[in-house]
Amino acid sequence: MKVLVFGYSDNPDRYSYLAAKLLEDYKHETIKFNPRIDDPKSVDNNFDTVTLYVSKPIADKFQDFLLGLNTKRFIFNPGTENDQLEEKLKIKGVDVVRGCTLVMLRTSQF
């Protein structure tokens, strides 16, 4: 499965780092995107899942990019909830999940 970790940090204490590592451990193709340093134009458009690790203001800043991704599922991890973005994704037919990627992976719900 191809997964975009949007909001990735290379700090091992951050949940996005832990999620990316666990996704790789579970043999998922993991693309890491840090909105502070990465260029959206450098990212492929097709993912099975996008897992979000940024606050609403940052997600809003990248809303057009996120809505332009071709993905089947979008996971809003705790603290990343964004009702407006969620609704727009649902209208596009994307499966929207409010959950924790780490818990989902460890409990075979991913």
C-alpha atoms as a PDB file:
ATOM      1  CA  MET A   1       0.000   0.000   0.000  1.00  0.00           C
ATOM      2  CA  LYS A   2       1.296   3.456  -0.874  1.00  0.00           C
ATOM      3  CA  VAL A   3       0.925   5.924   2.013  1.00  0.00           C
ATOM      4  CA  LEU A   4       1.648   9.649   2.258  1.00  0.00           C
ATOM      5  CA  VAL A   5       2.636  10.835   5.740  1.00  0.00           C
ATOM      6  CA  PHE A   6       1.693  14.510   5.456  1.00  0.00           C
ATOM      7  CA  GLY A   7       3.356  16.462   8.240  1.00  0.00           C
ATOM      8  CA  TYR A   8       6.328  14.136   8.638  1.00  0.00           C
ATOM      9  CA  SER A   9       9.045  15.140  11.086  1.00  0.00           C
ATOM     10  CA  ASP A  10      12.475  13.537  11.358  1.00  0.00           C
ATOM     11  CA  ASN A  11      12.297  14.046  15.140  1.00  0.00           C
ATOM     12  CA  PRO A  12      12.012  10.537  16.663  1.00  0.00           C
ATOM     13  CA  ASP A  13       9.785  11.906  19.440  1.00  0.00           C
ATOM     14  CA  ARG A  14       7.058  12.987  16.992  1.00  0.00           C
ATOM     15  CA  TYR A  15       4.100  10.765  16.137  1.00  0.00           C
ATOM     16  CA  SER A  16       4.561  11.346  12.419  1.00  0.00           C
ATOM     17  CA  TYR A  17       8.082   9.915  12.654  1.00  0.00           C
ATOM     18  CA  LEU A  18       6.832   6.895  14.612  1.00  0.00           C
ATOM     19  CA  ALA A  19       4.007   6.329  12.136  1.00  0.00           C
ATOM     20  CA  ALA A  20       6.331   6.486   9.126  1.00  0.00           C
ATOM     21  CA  LYS A  21       8.699   4.015  10.761  1.00  0.00           C
ATOM     22  CA  LEU A  22       5.890   1.620  11.653  1.00  0.00           C
ATOM     23  CA  LEU A  23       4.403   1.888   8.162  1.00  0.00           C
ATOM     24  CA  GLU A  24       7.803   0.946   6.743  1.00  0.00           C
ATOM     25  CA  ASP A  25       8.124  -1.910   9.255  1.00  0.00           C
ATOM     26  CA  TYR A  26       4.780  -3.200   7.969  1.00  0.00           C
ATOM     27  CA  LYS A  27       6.215  -2.989   4.416  1.00  0.00           C
ATOM     28  CA  HIS A  28       4.023  -0.136   3.175  1.00  0.00           C
ATOM     29  CA  GLU A  29       5.488   2.157   0.537  1.00  0.00           C
ATOM     30  CA  THR A  30       5.830   5.290   2.649  1.00  0.00           C
ATOM     31  CA  ILE A  31       6.240   8.794   1.258  1.00  0.00           C
ATOM     32  CA  LYS A  32       7.214  11.394   3.860  1.00  0.00           C
ATOM     33  CA  PHE A  33       6.185  15.015   3.369  1.00  0.00           C
ATOM     34  CA  ASN A  34       7.214  17.871   5.640  1.00  0.00           C
ATOM     35  CA  PRO A  35       5.241  20.981   4.603  1.00  0.00           C
ATOM     36  CA  ARG A  36       7.926  23.257   6.028  1.00  0.00           C
ATOM     37  CA  ILE A  37      10.614  22.050   3.634  1.00  0.00           C
ATOM     38  CA  ASP A  38       9.111  19.847   0.915  1.00  0.00           C
ATOM     39  CA  ASP A  39       7.660  21.130  -2.353  1.00  0.00           C
ATOM     40  CA  PRO A  40       4.180  19.771  -3.150  1.00  0.00           C
ATOM     41  CA  LYS A  41       5.133  19.716  -6.833  1.00  0.00           C
ATOM     42  CA  SER A  42       7.717  17.030  -6.066  1.00  0.00           C
ATOM     43  CA  VAL A  43       5.098  14.599  -4.728  1.00  0.00           C
ATOM     44  CA  ASP A  44       3.374  11.943  -6.787  1.00  0.00           C
ATOM     45  CA  ASN A  45      -0.382  12.414  -6.884  1.00  0.00           C
ATOM     46  CA  ASN A  46      -1.524   8.814  -6.281  1.00  0.00           C
ATOM     47  CA  PHE A  47      -1.794   7.214  -2.845  1.00  0.00           C
ATOM     48  CA  ASP A  48      -3.874   4.495  -1.287  1.00  0.00           C
ATOM     49  CA  THR A  49      -3.895   6.426   1.990  1.00  0.00           C
ATOM     50  CA  VAL A  50      -2.953   9.877   3.248  1.00  0.00           C
ATOM     51  CA  THR A  51      -2.328  10.150   6.992  1.00  0.00           C
ATOM     52  CA  LEU A  52      -2.383  13.701   8.323  1.00  0.00           C
ATOM     53  CA  TYR A  53      -0.067  15.052  11.044  1.00  0.00           C
ATOM     54  CA  VAL A  54      -0.574  18.828  10.832  1.00  0.00           C
ATOM     55  CA  SER A  55      -2.870  21.322  12.531  1.00  0.00           C
ATOM     56  CA  LYS A  56      -5.912  22.800  10.836  1.00  0.00           C
ATOM     57  CA  PRO A  57      -4.162  26.083   9.863  1.00  0.00           C
ATOM     58  CA  ILE A  58      -1.391  24.181   8.066  1.00  0.00           C
ATOM     59  CA  ALA A  59      -3.855  21.786   6.425  1.00  0.00           C
ATOM     60  CA  ASP A  60      -5.902  24.791   5.286  1.00  0.00           C
ATOM     61  CA  LYS A  61      -2.793  26.332   3.734  1.00  0.00           C
ATOM     62  CA  PHE A  62      -2.264  23.104   1.743  1.00  0.00           C
ATOM     63  CA  GLN A  63      -5.955  22.387   1.130  1.00  0.00           C
ATOM     64  CA  ASP A  64      -5.790  22.608  -2.665  1.00  0.00           C
ATOM     65  CA  PHE A  65      -2.830  20.241  -2.707  1.00  0.00           C
ATOM     66  CA  LEU A  66      -4.518  17.764  -0.343  1.00  0.00           C
ATOM     67  CA  LEU A  67      -7.791  17.850  -2.275  1.00  0.00           C
ATOM     68  CA  GLY A  68      -5.889  17.334  -5.513  1.00  0.00           C
ATOM     69  CA  LEU A  69      -4.380  14.060  -4.354  1.00  0.00           C
ATOM     70  CA  ASN A  70      -5.788  10.892  -5.817  1.00  0.00           C
ATOM     71  CA  THR A  71      -6.363   8.824  -2.675  1.00  0.00           C
ATOM     72  CA  LYS A  72      -8.879   6.280  -1.473  1.00  0.00           C
ATOM     73  CA  ARG A  73      -8.562   7.010   2.247  1.00  0.00           C
ATOM     74  CA  PHE A  74      -7.608  10.006   4.371  1.00  0.00           C
ATOM     75  CA  ILE A  75      -6.779   9.572   8.072  1.00  0.00           C
ATOM     76  CA  PHE A  76      -7.134  12.514  10.441  1.00  0.00           C
ATOM     77  CA  ASN A  77      -4.944  11.620  13.412  1.00  0.00           C
ATOM     78  CA  PRO A  78      -5.813  13.045  16.865  1.00  0.00           C
ATOM     79  CA  GLY A  79      -5.375  16.810  16.867  1.00  0.00           C
ATOM     80  CA  THR A  80      -5.692  17.174  13.090  1.00  0.00           C
ATOM     81  CA  GLU A  81      -9.481  17.255  12.832  1.00  0.00           C
ATOM     82  CA  ASN A  82     -10.757  19.638  10.161  1.00  0.00           C
ATOM     83  CA  ASP A  83     -14.500  19.488   9.462  1.00  0.00           C
ATOM     84  CA  GLN A  84     -14.367  21.562   6.270  1.00  0.00           C
ATOM     85  CA  LEU A  85     -11.559  19.526   4.701  1.00  0.00           C
ATOM     86  CA  GLU A  86     -13.222  16.287   5.775  1.00  0.00           C
ATOM     87  CA  GLU A  87     -16.489  17.296   4.094  1.00  0.00           C
ATOM     88  CA  LYS A  88     -14.738  18.249   0.861  1.00  0.00           C
ATOM     89  CA  LEU A  89     -12.908  14.913   0.821  1.00  0.00           C
ATOM     90  CA  LYS A  90     -16.154  13.020   1.396  1.00  0.00           C
ATOM     91  CA  ILE A  91     -17.776  14.869  -1.514  1.00  0.00           C
ATOM     92  CA  LYS A  92     -14.880  13.596  -3.677  1.00  0.00           C
ATOM     93  CA  GLY A  93     -15.678  10.043  -2.547  1.00  0.00           C
ATOM     94  CA  VAL A  94     -12.668   9.653  -0.250  1.00  0.00           C
ATOM     95  CA  ASP A  95     -13.046   7.400   2.795  1.00  0.00           C
ATOM     96  CA  VAL A  96     -12.420   9.755   5.736  1.00  0.00           C
ATOM     97  CA  VAL A  97     -11.257   8.260   9.020  1.00  0.00           C
ATOM     98  CA  ARG A  98     -10.729   9.963  12.352  1.00  0.00           C
ATOM     99  CA  GLY A  99      -8.267   7.671  14.041  1.00  0.00           C
ATOM    100  CA  CYS A 100      -4.701   7.025  15.030  1.00  0.00           C
ATOM    101  CA  THR A 101      -2.485   5.471  12.386  1.00  0.00           C
ATOM    102  CA  LEU A 102      -0.253   3.907  15.052  1.00  0.00           C
ATOM    103  CA  VAL A 103      -3.199   2.230  16.795  1.00  0.00           C
ATOM    104  CA  MET A 104      -4.734   1.161  13.490  1.00  0.00           C
ATOM    105  CA  LEU A 105      -1.491  -0.505  12.410  1.00  0.00           C
ATOM    106  CA  ARG A 106      -0.909  -2.255  15.743  1.00  0.00           C
ATOM    107  CA  THR A 107      -4.480  -3.595  15.880  1.00  0.00           C
ATOM    108  CA  SER A 108      -4.650  -4.780  12.254  1.00  0.00           C
ATOM    109  CA  GLN A 109      -7.227  -2.113  11.342  1.00  0.00           C
ATOM    110  CA  PHE A 110      -5.046  -0.299   8.832  1.00  0.00           C
END
